[in-house]
C-alpha atoms as a PDB file:
ATOM      1  CA  MET A   1     121.244  -8.003  77.541  1.00  0.00           C
ATOM      2  CA  THR A   2     124.976  -8.108  77.724  1.00  0.00           C
ATOM      3  CA  ARG A   3     126.521 -10.809  79.817  1.00  0.00           C
ATOM      4  CA  VAL A   4     129.672  -9.197  81.633  1.00  0.00           C
ATOM      5  CA  ARG A   5     131.949 -11.586  83.442  1.00  0.00           C
ATOM      6  CA  VAL A   6     133.967  -9.137  85.275  1.00  0.00           C
ATOM      7  CA  ARG A   7     132.611 -10.083  88.610  1.00  0.00           C
ATOM      8  CA  GLU A   8     133.233 -13.845  87.937  1.00  0.00           C
ATOM      9  CA  LEU A   9     136.917 -13.022  86.730  1.00  0.00           C
ATOM     10  CA  ARG A  10     137.602 -10.792  89.655  1.00  0.00           C
ATOM     11  CA  GLU A  11     136.317 -13.322  92.159  1.00  0.00           C
ATOM     12  CA  ARG A  12     138.605 -15.802  90.794  1.00  0.00           C
ATOM     13  CA  LYS A  13     141.493 -13.681  91.623  1.00  0.00           C
ATOM     14  CA  GLY A  14     140.098 -13.115  95.140  1.00  0.00           C
ATOM     15  CA  TRP A  15     139.790  -9.327  94.712  1.00  0.00           C
ATOM     16  CA  THR A  16     137.105  -6.906  95.881  1.00  0.00           C
ATOM     17  CA  ALA A  17     135.580  -4.509  93.586  1.00  0.00           C
ATOM     18  CA  ALA A  18     137.685  -2.122  95.144  1.00  0.00           C
ATOM     19  CA  ASP A  19     140.763  -3.775  94.536  1.00  0.00           C
ATOM     20  CA  LEU A  20     140.048  -4.048  91.114  1.00  0.00           C
ATOM     21  CA  GLY A  21     139.016  -0.452  90.817  1.00  0.00           C
ATOM     22  CA  TYR A  22     142.460   0.492  92.385  1.00  0.00           C
ATOM     23  CA  LYS A  23     144.346  -1.538  89.929  1.00  0.00           C
ATOM     24  CA  LEU A  24     142.449   0.129  86.923  1.00  0.00           C
ATOM     25  CA  GLY A  25     142.218   3.831  88.308  1.00  0.00           C
ATOM     26  CA  VAL A  26     138.434   3.622  88.653  1.00  0.00           C
ATOM     27  CA  SER A  27     135.915   3.656  91.460  1.00  0.00           C
ATOM     28  CA  GLU A  28     134.524   0.512  93.345  1.00  0.00           C
ATOM     29  CA  GLY A  29     131.112   1.868  92.244  1.00  0.00           C
ATOM     30  CA  THR A  30     132.378   2.044  88.539  1.00  0.00           C
ATOM     31  CA  VAL A  31     133.459  -1.737  88.790  1.00  0.00           C
ATOM     32  CA  ARG A  32     130.161  -2.585  90.314  1.00  0.00           C
ATOM     33  CA  SER A  33     128.206  -0.845  87.596  1.00  0.00           C
ATOM     34  CA  TRP A  34     130.187  -3.118  85.172  1.00  0.00           C
ATOM     35  CA  GLU A  35     129.509  -6.236  86.921  1.00  0.00           C
ATOM     36  CA  GLN A  36     125.700  -5.494  87.102  1.00  0.00           C
ATOM     37  CA  GLY A  37     125.649  -4.626  83.429  1.00  0.00           C
ATOM     38  CA  ARG A  38     124.436  -0.946  83.916  1.00  0.00           C
ATOM     39  CA  HIS A  39     127.453   0.318  82.106  1.00  0.00           C
ATOM     40  CA  LEU A  40     130.477  -1.051  80.126  1.00  0.00           C
ATOM     41  CA  PRO A  41     134.206   0.043  80.473  1.00  0.00           C
ATOM     42  CA  ARG A  42     134.714   3.100  78.213  1.00  0.00           C
ATOM     43  CA  GLY A  43     137.302   2.687  75.401  1.00  0.00           C
ATOM     44  CA  ALA A  44     139.473  -0.057  74.015  1.00  0.00           C
ATOM     45  CA  THR A  45     142.335   1.091  76.124  1.00  0.00           C
ATOM     46  CA  LEU A  46     140.441   0.333  79.286  1.00  0.00           C
ATOM     47  CA  ARG A  47     138.996  -2.833  78.090  1.00  0.00           C
ATOM     48  CA  ARG A  48     142.201  -3.911  77.123  1.00  0.00           C
ATOM     49  CA  LYS A  49     143.798  -3.047  80.618  1.00  0.00           C
ATOM     50  CA  LEU A  50     140.747  -4.777  82.251  1.00  0.00           C
ATOM     51  CA  ALA A  51     141.517  -7.896  80.193  1.00  0.00           C
ATOM     52  CA  ARG A  52     145.194  -7.810  81.139  1.00  0.00           C
ATOM     53  CA  VAL A  53     144.708  -7.092  84.757  1.00  0.00           C
ATOM     54  CA  LEU A  54     142.269 -10.229  84.951  1.00  0.00           C
ATOM     55  CA  GLY A  55     144.530 -12.388  82.981  1.00  0.00           C
ATOM     56  CA  VAL A  56     142.194 -13.061  80.155  1.00  0.00           C
ATOM     57  CA  ASP A  57     141.518 -12.176  76.409  1.00  0.00           C
ATOM     58  CA  VAL A  58     139.295  -9.196  75.825  1.00  0.00           C
ATOM     59  CA  ALA A  59     136.614 -11.541  74.110  1.00  0.00           C
ATOM     60  CA  GLU A  60     136.425 -13.365  77.518  1.00  0.00           C
ATOM     61  CA  LEU A  61     135.175 -10.243  79.264  1.00  0.00           C
ATOM     62  CA  GLY A  62     131.734 -10.486  77.640  1.00  0.00           C
ATOM     63  CA  LEU A  63     131.618  -6.858  76.748  1.00  0.00           C
ATOM     64  CA  GLU A  64     130.025  -7.053  73.351  1.00  0.00           C
ATOM     65  CA  ARG A  65     126.902  -5.035  73.119  1.00  0.00           C
ATOM     66  CA  ASP A  66     123.602  -7.233  72.745  1.00  0.00           C
ATOM     67  CA  SER A  67     121.455  -4.309  73.747  1.00  0.00           C
ATOM     68  CA  HIS A  68     121.245  -0.353  73.479  1.00  0.00           C
ATOM     69  CA  GLU A  69     120.048  -0.508  77.064  1.00  0.00           C
ATOM     70  CA  VAL A  70     123.705  -0.652  78.526  1.00  0.00           C
ATOM     71  CA  GLN A  71     125.541   2.543  78.607  1.00  0.00           C
ATOM     72  CA  SER A  72     129.354   3.199  78.372  1.00  0.00           C
ATOM     73  CA  ALA A  73     130.806   4.481  81.579  1.00  0.00           C
ATOM     74  CA  GLY A  74     134.279   4.306  83.391  1.00  0.00           C
END
């Protein structure tokens, strides 16, 4: 399964899931689904924006697909 580091990186910033969602223009629920590995951020643009907001390289987000179980959303 995909190891998503969004929560870890968000918590380092001291942000809630709602804070991160606001900065990205997505819901808190969408952020939580990424953090739980149920869905991945949809599209390269959103992934780049997520990485920029969190202050990391896209590769550090851990969004590569290891499984077909994870769906794309948000």
